[in-house]
Amino acid sequence: MATQNSASSTTASSLKFSRTNVWLLVAALATISLGYFLLDQGSITAAPVLLVLGYVVLLPLAIIA
């Protein structure tokens, strides 16, 4: 039982978000929102770039960093 508690304690402490994580998450959500807005406006160049940047780069970076 003690081994299970220490493992869950380690997992819980490693999932804490810092200010960097929060700012990266805000940047990811803003980038994704702007990408969808531009997609609605008909921008076929900038919108996919922003969506890929938000989903593939910023969002995972916000979770991992």
N, C-alpha and C. Protein backbone atom coordinates (compact mmCIF):
# COMPACT_ATOMS: atom_id res chain seq x y z
N MET A 1 0.81 -1.18 0.00
CA MET A 1 0.00 0.00 0.00
C MET A 1 0.86 1.26 0.00
N ALA A 2 1.99 1.23 0.69
CA ALA A 2 2.86 2.41 0.75
C ALA A 2 3.47 2.71 -0.61
N THR A 3 3.75 1.68 -1.40
CA THR A 3 4.32 1.89 -2.72
C THR A 3 3.33 2.58 -3.64
N GLN A 4 2.08 2.20 -3.56
CA GLN A 4 1.05 2.81 -4.40
C GLN A 4 0.86 4.28 -4.03
N ASN A 5 0.87 4.61 -2.78
CA ASN A 5 0.69 5.99 -2.35
C ASN A 5 1.86 6.86 -2.80
N SER A 6 3.08 6.35 -2.73
CA SER A 6 4.22 7.15 -3.14
C SER A 6 4.23 7.35 -4.66
N ALA A 7 3.75 6.36 -5.40
CA ALA A 7 3.67 6.50 -6.85
C ALA A 7 2.63 7.54 -7.24
N SER A 8 1.49 7.53 -6.59
CA SER A 8 0.46 8.52 -6.91
C SER A 8 0.88 9.90 -6.43
N SER A 9 1.64 9.97 -5.37
CA SER A 9 2.14 11.25 -4.88
C SER A 9 3.13 11.85 -5.87
N THR A 10 3.99 11.01 -6.45
CA THR A 10 4.95 11.48 -7.45
C THR A 10 4.22 11.96 -8.69
N THR A 11 3.21 11.26 -9.12
CA THR A 11 2.44 11.65 -10.29
C THR A 11 1.72 12.97 -10.05
N ALA A 12 1.13 13.12 -8.90
CA ALA A 12 0.39 14.34 -8.59
C ALA A 12 1.33 15.54 -8.53
N SER A 13 2.53 15.37 -7.99
CA SER A 13 3.45 16.49 -7.89
C SER A 13 4.05 16.85 -9.24
N SER A 14 4.12 15.91 -10.16
CA SER A 14 4.69 16.21 -11.48
C SER A 14 3.67 16.84 -12.42
N LEU A 15 2.39 16.88 -12.05
CA LEU A 15 1.35 17.44 -12.90
C LEU A 15 0.98 18.88 -12.53
N LYS A 16 1.74 19.51 -11.66
CA LYS A 16 1.45 20.88 -11.28
C LYS A 16 1.84 21.82 -12.42
N PHE A 17 0.97 22.78 -12.70
CA PHE A 17 1.24 23.74 -13.76
C PHE A 17 1.86 25.00 -13.18
N SER A 18 2.88 25.49 -13.86
CA SER A 18 3.52 26.73 -13.45
C SER A 18 2.95 27.88 -14.28
N ARG A 19 3.46 29.07 -14.05
CA ARG A 19 2.99 30.23 -14.83
C ARG A 19 3.35 30.07 -16.29
N THR A 20 4.48 29.44 -16.57
CA THR A 20 4.89 29.21 -17.96
C THR A 20 3.88 28.33 -18.67
N ASN A 21 3.42 27.28 -18.00
CA ASN A 21 2.42 26.40 -18.59
C ASN A 21 1.12 27.15 -18.89
N VAL A 22 0.72 27.98 -17.96
CA VAL A 22 -0.53 28.72 -18.14
C VAL A 22 -0.41 29.69 -19.31
N TRP A 23 0.72 30.41 -19.40
CA TRP A 23 0.90 31.36 -20.51
C TRP A 23 0.98 30.65 -21.85
N LEU A 24 1.62 29.49 -21.89
CA LEU A 24 1.66 28.73 -23.13
C LEU A 24 0.27 28.22 -23.51
N LEU A 25 -0.51 27.83 -22.52
CA LEU A 25 -1.87 27.38 -22.78
C LEU A 25 -2.74 28.52 -23.30
N VAL A 26 -2.58 29.70 -22.71
CA VAL A 26 -3.33 30.87 -23.18
C VAL A 26 -2.92 31.21 -24.61
N ALA A 27 -1.62 31.15 -24.90
CA ALA A 27 -1.14 31.43 -26.25
C ALA A 27 -1.68 30.39 -27.24
N ALA A 28 -1.72 29.14 -26.82
CA ALA A 28 -2.24 28.08 -27.69
C ALA A 28 -3.72 28.29 -27.99
N LEU A 29 -4.49 28.61 -26.97
CA LEU A 29 -5.93 28.83 -27.17
C LEU A 29 -6.19 30.07 -28.02
N ALA A 30 -5.40 31.11 -27.83
CA ALA A 30 -5.56 32.32 -28.65
C ALA A 30 -5.20 32.04 -30.10
N THR A 31 -4.13 31.28 -30.32
CA THR A 31 -3.70 30.93 -31.67
C THR A 31 -4.75 30.07 -32.37
N ILE A 32 -5.28 29.10 -31.65
CA ILE A 32 -6.30 28.21 -32.22
C ILE A 32 -7.57 29.01 -32.53
N SER A 33 -7.97 29.88 -31.61
CA SER A 33 -9.16 30.71 -31.84
C SER A 33 -8.98 31.62 -33.05
N LEU A 34 -7.82 32.24 -33.15
CA LEU A 34 -7.54 33.10 -34.30
C LEU A 34 -7.52 32.29 -35.59
N GLY A 35 -6.98 31.08 -35.53
CA GLY A 35 -6.96 30.21 -36.70
C GLY A 35 -8.36 29.86 -37.18
N TYR A 36 -9.24 29.52 -36.25
CA TYR A 36 -10.62 29.22 -36.65
C TYR A 36 -11.36 30.46 -37.14
N PHE A 37 -11.07 31.62 -36.54
CA PHE A 37 -11.68 32.86 -37.01
C PHE A 37 -11.25 33.16 -38.44
N LEU A 38 -9.95 33.02 -38.71
CA LEU A 38 -9.46 33.27 -40.07
C LEU A 38 -9.98 32.24 -41.05
N LEU A 39 -10.17 31.01 -40.59
CA LEU A 39 -10.74 29.97 -41.45
C LEU A 39 -12.17 30.33 -41.83
N ASP A 40 -12.90 30.89 -40.90
CA ASP A 40 -14.28 31.32 -41.17
C ASP A 40 -14.30 32.49 -42.15
N GLN A 41 -13.28 33.33 -42.12
CA GLN A 41 -13.19 34.48 -43.01
C GLN A 41 -12.72 34.10 -44.41
N GLY A 42 -12.23 32.88 -44.59
CA GLY A 42 -11.83 32.43 -45.91
C GLY A 42 -10.34 32.43 -46.15
N SER A 43 -9.55 32.67 -45.12
CA SER A 43 -8.09 32.66 -45.27
C SER A 43 -7.62 31.22 -45.34
N ILE A 44 -7.15 30.81 -46.51
CA ILE A 44 -6.72 29.42 -46.67
C ILE A 44 -5.21 29.27 -46.49
N THR A 45 -4.51 30.35 -46.18
CA THR A 45 -3.07 30.27 -45.96
C THR A 45 -2.72 30.42 -44.49
N ALA A 46 -3.18 31.49 -43.87
CA ALA A 46 -2.80 31.77 -42.48
C ALA A 46 -3.53 30.87 -41.49
N ALA A 47 -4.77 30.54 -41.77
CA ALA A 47 -5.57 29.75 -40.83
C ALA A 47 -4.97 28.36 -40.56
N PRO A 48 -4.63 27.59 -41.59
CA PRO A 48 -4.04 26.28 -41.30
C PRO A 48 -2.70 26.36 -40.58
N VAL A 49 -1.91 27.39 -40.89
CA VAL A 49 -0.63 27.56 -40.22
C VAL A 49 -0.84 27.81 -38.73
N LEU A 50 -1.78 28.68 -38.41
CA LEU A 50 -2.07 28.98 -37.00
C LEU A 50 -2.65 27.78 -36.28
N LEU A 51 -3.52 27.03 -36.94
CA LEU A 51 -4.11 25.86 -36.31
C LEU A 51 -3.06 24.78 -36.04
N VAL A 52 -2.18 24.56 -36.99
CA VAL A 52 -1.11 23.57 -36.78
C VAL A 52 -0.18 24.05 -35.67
N LEU A 53 0.17 25.33 -35.68
CA LEU A 53 1.02 25.88 -34.63
C LEU A 53 0.38 25.72 -33.26
N GLY A 54 -0.91 25.98 -33.17
CA GLY A 54 -1.60 25.86 -31.89
C GLY A 54 -1.73 24.44 -31.41
N TYR A 55 -2.16 23.54 -32.30
CA TYR A 55 -2.42 22.15 -31.90
C TYR A 55 -1.16 21.31 -31.79
N VAL A 56 -0.20 21.52 -32.67
CA VAL A 56 0.96 20.62 -32.74
C VAL A 56 2.14 21.13 -31.93
N VAL A 57 2.26 22.45 -31.77
CA VAL A 57 3.42 23.00 -31.08
C VAL A 57 3.05 23.54 -29.70
N LEU A 58 2.16 24.51 -29.65
CA LEU A 58 1.92 25.22 -28.39
C LEU A 58 1.15 24.40 -27.36
N LEU A 59 0.12 23.71 -27.78
CA LEU A 59 -0.67 22.93 -26.82
C LEU A 59 0.14 21.80 -26.16
N PRO A 60 0.87 20.99 -26.93
CA PRO A 60 1.72 19.99 -26.26
C PRO A 60 2.83 20.61 -25.41
N LEU A 61 3.36 21.74 -25.87
CA LEU A 61 4.39 22.43 -25.10
C LEU A 61 3.84 22.93 -23.77
N ALA A 62 2.60 23.39 -23.78
CA ALA A 62 1.97 23.86 -22.54
C ALA A 62 1.76 22.70 -21.56
N ILE A 63 1.53 21.51 -22.06
CA ILE A 63 1.31 20.36 -21.18
C ILE A 63 2.64 19.82 -20.67
N ILE A 64 3.64 19.77 -21.53
CA ILE A 64 4.92 19.15 -21.19
C ILE A 64 5.82 20.08 -20.39
N ALA A 65 5.87 21.36 -20.77
CA ALA A 65 6.85 22.29 -20.16
C ALA A 65 6.58 22.54 -18.71
